[in-house]
Amino acid sequence: MGKLDIVIIKDLIYAEVDFWSVIDNDYFSMRVLIDTGAAITTFSDSAIKRLGYITYDKPITVRTGGGITTANEVTVPKIQISSFELIDIPAHSNKYLDEFKIDGIIGMNILSKFIFTVNLNENIIIFDNR
């Protein structure tokens, strides 16, 4: 079991999550939106560059909460969420997240790997193995 501190900004839940940086060969912490309505984890283009990830060359069409847009596919080598490490997670890169000043969105392709509880009284998410 593990826990993740959260911050609520304008009714949205954010947390600091550690992503493997290919450039630094170490984990890099970024504040990301925790979104149970997002099917897949998505990063801003600037976050992808900062982490040193390479996107696949073929843009795809995706449906988001903001409408239909294009994204690039990417594989995240490692993610550390609380005490859990996930490896080779599929994700998207979307240039529009930079406009909203969001580094990334953790979607259900990651969240569904856990049993989790959001505790708004203590501002934490408690994670356990599924």
C-alpha atoms as a PDB file:
ATOM      1  CA  MET A   1       0.000   0.000   0.000  1.00  0.00           C
ATOM      2  CA  GLY A   2       1.144   3.539  -0.666  1.00  0.00           C
ATOM      3  CA  LYS A   3      -0.098   7.083  -0.607  1.00  0.00           C
ATOM      4  CA  LEU A   4       0.274  10.134  -2.766  1.00  0.00           C
ATOM      5  CA  ASP A   5      -0.211  13.702  -1.546  1.00  0.00           C
ATOM      6  CA  ILE A   6      -2.649  15.688  -3.657  1.00  0.00           C
ATOM      7  CA  VAL A   7      -3.413  19.353  -4.225  1.00  0.00           C
ATOM      8  CA  ILE A   8      -6.831  20.532  -5.342  1.00  0.00           C
ATOM      9  CA  ILE A   9      -6.843  23.493  -7.710  1.00  0.00           C
ATOM     10  CA  LYS A  10     -10.151  24.685  -9.189  1.00  0.00           C
ATOM     11  CA  ASP A  11     -11.816  21.358  -8.281  1.00  0.00           C
ATOM     12  CA  LEU A  12      -9.127  19.339 -10.091  1.00  0.00           C
ATOM     13  CA  ILE A  13      -6.795  16.881  -8.355  1.00  0.00           C
ATOM     14  CA  TYR A  14      -3.055  17.220  -8.927  1.00  0.00           C
ATOM     15  CA  ALA A  15      -0.167  15.167  -7.552  1.00  0.00           C
ATOM     16  CA  GLU A  16       3.604  15.003  -7.844  1.00  0.00           C
ATOM     17  CA  VAL A  17       4.531  11.837  -9.751  1.00  0.00           C
ATOM     18  CA  ASP A  18       8.039  10.628 -10.633  1.00  0.00           C
ATOM     19  CA  PHE A  19       8.790   9.831 -14.269  1.00  0.00           C
ATOM     20  CA  TRP A  20      11.997   8.286 -15.545  1.00  0.00           C
ATOM     21  CA  SER A  21      14.088  10.891 -17.342  1.00  0.00           C
ATOM     22  CA  VAL A  22      16.084   9.392 -20.176  1.00  0.00           C
ATOM     23  CA  ILE A  23      18.208  12.554 -20.225  1.00  0.00           C
ATOM     24  CA  ASP A  24      19.167  12.431 -16.517  1.00  0.00           C
ATOM     25  CA  ASN A  25      19.019   8.638 -16.103  1.00  0.00           C
ATOM     26  CA  ASP A  26      17.020   9.249 -12.936  1.00  0.00           C
ATOM     27  CA  TYR A  27      13.489  10.067 -11.823  1.00  0.00           C
ATOM     28  CA  PHE A  28      12.090  13.551 -12.422  1.00  0.00           C
ATOM     29  CA  SER A  29       9.073  14.759 -10.454  1.00  0.00           C
ATOM     30  CA  MET A  30       6.240  16.545 -12.249  1.00  0.00           C
ATOM     31  CA  ARG A  31       2.864  17.822 -11.077  1.00  0.00           C
ATOM     32  CA  VAL A  32       0.174  16.053 -13.087  1.00  0.00           C
ATOM     33  CA  LEU A  33      -3.596  16.021 -13.170  1.00  0.00           C
ATOM     34  CA  ILE A  34      -5.229  12.852 -11.830  1.00  0.00           C
ATOM     35  CA  ASP A  35      -8.138  12.245 -14.204  1.00  0.00           C
ATOM     36  CA  THR A  36     -10.434   9.209 -13.924  1.00  0.00           C
ATOM     37  CA  GLY A  37     -12.229  10.480 -17.041  1.00  0.00           C
ATOM     38  CA  ALA A  38      -9.096  10.200 -19.204  1.00  0.00           C
ATOM     39  CA  ALA A  39      -8.598   6.835 -20.872  1.00  0.00           C
ATOM     40  CA  ILE A  40      -4.867   7.215 -21.403  1.00  0.00           C
ATOM     41  CA  THR A  41      -2.024   9.085 -19.754  1.00  0.00           C
ATOM     42  CA  THR A  42      -1.014  12.173 -21.723  1.00  0.00           C
ATOM     43  CA  PHE A  43       1.955  14.539 -21.536  1.00  0.00           C
ATOM     44  CA  SER A  44       2.560  18.015 -22.850  1.00  0.00           C
ATOM     45  CA  ASP A  45       5.073  18.227 -25.679  1.00  0.00           C
ATOM     46  CA  SER A  46       7.433  20.218 -23.430  1.00  0.00           C
ATOM     47  CA  ALA A  47       7.297  17.519 -20.719  1.00  0.00           C
ATOM     48  CA  ILE A  48       8.118  14.855 -23.336  1.00  0.00           C
ATOM     49  CA  LYS A  49      11.186  16.853 -24.395  1.00  0.00           C
ATOM     50  CA  ARG A  50      12.254  17.494 -20.784  1.00  0.00           C
ATOM     51  CA  LEU A  51      12.106  13.747 -20.050  1.00  0.00           C
ATOM     52  CA  GLY A  52      13.915  12.844 -23.276  1.00  0.00           C
ATOM     53  CA  TYR A  53      11.155  10.607 -24.644  1.00  0.00           C
ATOM     54  CA  ILE A  54      10.799   9.973 -28.356  1.00  0.00           C
ATOM     55  CA  THR A  55       7.305   9.934 -29.825  1.00  0.00           C
ATOM     56  CA  TYR A  56       6.271   7.719 -32.694  1.00  0.00           C
ATOM     57  CA  ASP A  57       6.243   9.557 -36.029  1.00  0.00           C
ATOM     58  CA  LYS A  58       2.620   8.902 -36.940  1.00  0.00           C
ATOM     59  CA  PRO A  59       0.118  11.295 -35.288  1.00  0.00           C
ATOM     60  CA  ILE A  60      -3.202   9.737 -34.278  1.00  0.00           C
ATOM     61  CA  THR A  61      -6.664  11.248 -33.828  1.00  0.00           C
ATOM     62  CA  VAL A  62      -7.963  11.142 -30.251  1.00  0.00           C
ATOM     63  CA  ARG A  63     -11.140  12.260 -28.522  1.00  0.00           C
ATOM     64  CA  THR A  64     -10.495  14.327 -25.390  1.00  0.00           C
ATOM     65  CA  GLY A  65     -12.633  16.285 -22.968  1.00  0.00           C
ATOM     66  CA  GLY A  66     -11.854  19.324 -25.129  1.00  0.00           C
ATOM     67  CA  GLY A  67     -12.891  17.649 -28.392  1.00  0.00           C
ATOM     68  CA  ILE A  68     -11.126  15.765 -31.175  1.00  0.00           C
ATOM     69  CA  THR A  69      -7.423  16.480 -31.606  1.00  0.00           C
ATOM     70  CA  THR A  70      -4.208  14.811 -32.715  1.00  0.00           C
ATOM     71  CA  ALA A  71      -1.608  13.255 -30.462  1.00  0.00           C
ATOM     72  CA  ASN A  72       1.609  11.296 -30.776  1.00  0.00           C
ATOM     73  CA  GLU A  73       2.108   7.948 -29.110  1.00  0.00           C
ATOM     74  CA  VAL A  74       4.984   7.404 -26.707  1.00  0.00           C
ATOM     75  CA  THR A  75       6.106   4.680 -24.298  1.00  0.00           C
ATOM     76  CA  VAL A  76       7.073   5.853 -20.817  1.00  0.00           C
ATOM     77  CA  PRO A  77       9.979   3.679 -19.577  1.00  0.00           C
ATOM     78  CA  LYS A  78       9.212   3.961 -15.834  1.00  0.00           C
ATOM     79  CA  ILE A  79       6.761   5.726 -13.561  1.00  0.00           C
ATOM     80  CA  GLN A  80       6.994   5.794  -9.775  1.00  0.00           C
ATOM     81  CA  ILE A  81       3.625   6.362  -8.092  1.00  0.00           C
ATOM     82  CA  SER A  82       3.896   6.257  -4.336  1.00  0.00           C
ATOM     83  CA  SER A  83       5.734   2.982  -3.632  1.00  0.00           C
ATOM     84  CA  PHE A  84       4.787   1.379  -6.972  1.00  0.00           C
ATOM     85  CA  GLU A  85       6.935   1.312 -10.101  1.00  0.00           C
ATOM     86  CA  LEU A  86       5.298   0.789 -13.488  1.00  0.00           C
ATOM     87  CA  ILE A  87       7.298  -0.057 -16.615  1.00  0.00           C
ATOM     88  CA  ASP A  88       6.715   0.613 -20.326  1.00  0.00           C
ATOM     89  CA  ILE A  89       3.424   2.478 -20.052  1.00  0.00           C
ATOM     90  CA  PRO A  90       1.765   3.618 -23.290  1.00  0.00           C
ATOM     91  CA  ALA A  91       0.926   7.320 -23.332  1.00  0.00           C
ATOM     92  CA  HIS A  92       0.234  10.248 -25.628  1.00  0.00           C
ATOM     93  CA  SER A  93       1.904  13.577 -26.212  1.00  0.00           C
ATOM     94  CA  ASN A  94      -0.411  16.519 -26.867  1.00  0.00           C
ATOM     95  CA  LYS A  95       0.747  20.039 -27.681  1.00  0.00           C
ATOM     96  CA  TYR A  96      -2.412  21.606 -26.221  1.00  0.00           C
ATOM     97  CA  LEU A  97      -1.482  20.701 -22.646  1.00  0.00           C
ATOM     98  CA  ASP A  98       1.319  23.272 -22.881  1.00  0.00           C
ATOM     99  CA  GLU A  99      -1.299  25.976 -23.534  1.00  0.00           C
ATOM    100  CA  PHE A 100      -3.011  25.041 -20.247  1.00  0.00           C
ATOM    101  CA  LYS A 101       0.353  24.817 -18.422  1.00  0.00           C
ATOM    102  CA  ILE A 102      -0.219  21.145 -17.543  1.00  0.00           C
ATOM    103  CA  ASP A 103       2.787  18.757 -17.684  1.00  0.00           C
ATOM    104  CA  GLY A 104       0.618  15.678 -17.854  1.00  0.00           C
ATOM    105  CA  ILE A 105      -2.572  13.813 -17.102  1.00  0.00           C
ATOM    106  CA  ILE A 106      -2.568  10.428 -15.374  1.00  0.00           C
ATOM    107  CA  GLY A 107      -5.372   8.461 -16.989  1.00  0.00           C
ATOM    108  CA  MET A 108      -7.140   5.177 -16.389  1.00  0.00           C
ATOM    109  CA  ASN A 109      -4.506   3.120 -18.225  1.00  0.00           C
ATOM    110  CA  ILE A 110      -2.418   3.704 -15.071  1.00  0.00           C
ATOM    111  CA  LEU A 111      -5.076   4.228 -12.410  1.00  0.00           C
ATOM    112  CA  SER A 112      -6.889   0.973 -13.292  1.00  0.00           C
ATOM    113  CA  LYS A 113      -3.800  -0.974 -12.230  1.00  0.00           C
ATOM    114  CA  PHE A 114      -4.633  -0.062  -8.619  1.00  0.00           C
ATOM    115  CA  ILE A 115      -7.355  -0.080  -6.061  1.00  0.00           C
ATOM    116  CA  PHE A 116      -7.318   3.535  -4.924  1.00  0.00           C
ATOM    117  CA  THR A 117      -9.210   5.830  -2.615  1.00  0.00           C
ATOM    118  CA  VAL A 118      -9.205   9.596  -2.758  1.00  0.00           C
ATOM    119  CA  ASN A 119      -9.286  11.031   0.763  1.00  0.00           C
ATOM    120  CA  LEU A 120     -10.153  14.725   0.449  1.00  0.00           C
ATOM    121  CA  ASN A 121     -10.063  15.254   4.215  1.00  0.00           C
ATOM    122  CA  GLU A 122      -6.342  14.412   4.305  1.00  0.00           C
ATOM    123  CA  ASN A 123      -5.537  15.421   0.683  1.00  0.00           C
ATOM    124  CA  ILE A 124      -4.116  12.021  -0.237  1.00  0.00           C
ATOM    125  CA  ILE A 125      -4.770   9.141  -2.600  1.00  0.00           C
ATOM    126  CA  ILE A 126      -4.213   5.719  -1.090  1.00  0.00           C
ATOM    127  CA  PHE A 127      -3.052   3.073  -3.578  1.00  0.00           C
ATOM    128  CA  ASP A 128      -3.032  -0.697  -3.257  1.00  0.00           C
ATOM    129  CA  ASN A 129      -2.307  -3.562  -5.659  1.00  0.00           C
ATOM    130  CA  ARG A 130      -5.228  -4.710  -7.744  1.00  0.00           C
END
